[in-house]
């Protein structure tokens, strides 16, 4: 498994770039993960999305409906697409585990309910 260095230590990722331990995440780790995902800057708007994803996952152990993310962080309706292009990048940067194939299919427009 890859190990990534950041200012205060190291974190372990799985072979697809997902954080191995949910509790290893912090904003500095998010910056390193964003760089790995070719996201240039974690703006305040992007960080709000990332933090919401983490909180939602902690509470429901699931990926939220995308339109609900934007509504809950008080951003425009298509904030996920405008801020990250690919919601899976936001999920990875949030330090969350690899989502199920059903969620990945939903996010790639293959329909279904998340």
Protein backbone atom coordinates (compact mmCIF):
# COMPACT_ATOMS: atom_id res chain seq x y z
CA UNK A 1 0.00 0.00 0.00
CA UNK A 2 1.27 3.48 -0.81
CA UNK A 3 2.36 5.74 2.02
CA UNK A 4 2.02 9.50 1.53
CA UNK A 5 4.07 12.05 3.44
CA UNK A 6 2.69 15.37 4.60
CA UNK A 7 3.93 18.10 6.95
CA UNK A 8 3.05 16.27 10.18
CA UNK A 9 3.69 12.65 9.24
CA UNK A 10 2.53 9.97 6.87
CA UNK A 11 -0.76 8.30 5.93
CA UNK A 12 -1.48 5.02 4.24
CA UNK A 13 -3.59 4.77 1.07
CA UNK A 14 -5.03 1.72 -0.61
CA UNK A 15 -3.97 0.86 -4.15
CA UNK A 16 -6.66 3.16 -5.61
CA UNK A 17 -5.70 6.19 -3.51
CA UNK A 18 -8.34 5.97 -0.77
CA UNK A 19 -7.24 6.69 2.80
CA UNK A 20 -6.89 3.42 4.73
CA UNK A 21 -7.82 4.80 8.17
CA UNK A 22 -10.68 7.31 8.35
CA UNK A 23 -9.26 8.85 11.53
CA UNK A 24 -5.94 9.72 9.85
CA UNK A 25 -7.67 12.56 7.99
CA UNK A 26 -7.12 16.25 8.71
CA UNK A 27 -7.00 19.34 6.51
CA UNK A 28 -3.27 18.90 5.81
CA UNK A 29 -3.94 15.34 4.63
CA UNK A 30 -6.80 16.69 2.49
CA UNK A 31 -4.35 19.04 0.77
CA UNK A 32 -1.99 16.16 -0.05
CA UNK A 33 -4.88 14.03 -1.34
CA UNK A 34 -6.12 16.96 -3.43
CA UNK A 35 -2.70 17.32 -5.01
CA UNK A 36 -2.71 13.59 -5.87
CA UNK A 37 -6.13 14.07 -7.50
CA UNK A 38 -4.92 17.10 -9.52
CA UNK A 39 -7.18 19.52 -7.63
CA UNK A 40 -5.18 22.72 -7.58
CA UNK A 41 -6.52 24.37 -4.45
CA UNK A 42 -8.82 23.48 -1.61
CA UNK A 43 -10.84 26.66 -1.43
CA UNK A 44 -13.22 27.36 1.44
CA UNK A 45 -16.15 26.19 -0.74
CA UNK A 46 -14.40 22.93 -1.57
CA UNK A 47 -13.46 22.34 2.06
CA UNK A 48 -17.11 22.86 3.09
CA UNK A 49 -18.11 20.12 0.65
CA UNK A 50 -15.38 17.80 1.90
CA UNK A 51 -16.29 18.32 5.54
CA UNK A 52 -19.98 17.73 4.77
CA UNK A 53 -19.14 14.45 3.00
CA UNK A 54 -17.16 13.32 6.05
CA UNK A 55 -19.90 14.22 8.51
CA UNK A 56 -22.59 12.60 6.38
CA UNK A 57 -20.55 9.43 6.06
CA UNK A 58 -19.87 9.31 9.80
CA UNK A 59 -23.60 9.65 10.53
CA UNK A 60 -25.10 7.46 7.78
CA UNK A 61 -22.17 5.32 6.53
CA UNK A 62 -23.22 6.17 2.97
CA UNK A 63 -22.61 8.54 0.07
CA UNK A 64 -25.14 11.42 0.07
CA UNK A 65 -27.37 12.38 -2.83
CA UNK A 66 -25.36 15.02 -4.71
CA UNK A 67 -28.07 17.68 -4.76
CA UNK A 68 -28.33 17.34 -1.00
CA UNK A 69 -24.64 18.12 -0.57
CA UNK A 70 -25.02 21.51 -2.24
CA UNK A 71 -28.18 22.35 -0.36
CA UNK A 72 -26.60 21.46 2.99
CA UNK A 73 -23.48 23.55 2.44
CA UNK A 74 -25.57 26.46 1.10
CA UNK A 75 -23.93 26.50 -2.32
CA UNK A 76 -25.40 26.55 -5.82
CA UNK A 77 -27.34 23.49 -6.99
CA UNK A 78 -24.52 21.98 -9.05
CA UNK A 79 -21.72 22.77 -6.60
CA UNK A 80 -20.16 19.30 -6.75
CA UNK A 81 -19.72 19.44 -10.50
CA UNK A 82 -18.56 23.06 -10.45
CA UNK A 83 -16.07 22.56 -7.63
CA UNK A 84 -14.64 19.10 -8.37
CA UNK A 85 -15.97 17.86 -11.74
CA UNK A 86 -15.84 14.29 -10.38
CA UNK A 87 -17.54 13.74 -6.99
CA UNK A 88 -15.30 10.72 -6.41
CA UNK A 89 -12.35 13.11 -6.19
CA UNK A 90 -14.11 14.99 -3.41
CA UNK A 91 -14.85 11.66 -1.70
CA UNK A 92 -11.17 10.63 -1.85
CA UNK A 93 -10.00 14.02 -0.63
CA UNK A 94 -12.45 13.69 2.26
CA UNK A 95 -10.49 10.59 3.28
CA UNK A 96 -13.45 8.24 2.97
CA UNK A 97 -13.31 4.55 1.97
CA UNK A 98 -13.89 3.39 -1.57
CA UNK A 99 -17.64 3.58 -2.32
CA UNK A 100 -19.60 0.57 -3.49
CA UNK A 101 -19.93 -0.23 -7.21
CA UNK A 102 -23.58 0.96 -7.03
CA UNK A 103 -22.47 4.39 -5.81
CA UNK A 104 -19.76 4.61 -8.45
CA UNK A 105 -22.34 3.72 -11.12
CA UNK A 106 -24.71 6.38 -9.81
CA UNK A 107 -21.97 9.00 -9.85
CA UNK A 108 -21.02 8.12 -13.40
CA UNK A 109 -24.61 8.60 -14.57
CA UNK A 110 -25.64 4.96 -14.78
CA UNK A 111 -28.80 5.63 -12.78
CA UNK A 112 -30.03 3.81 -9.73
CA UNK A 113 -30.56 5.01 -6.22
CA UNK A 114 -27.73 5.69 -3.83
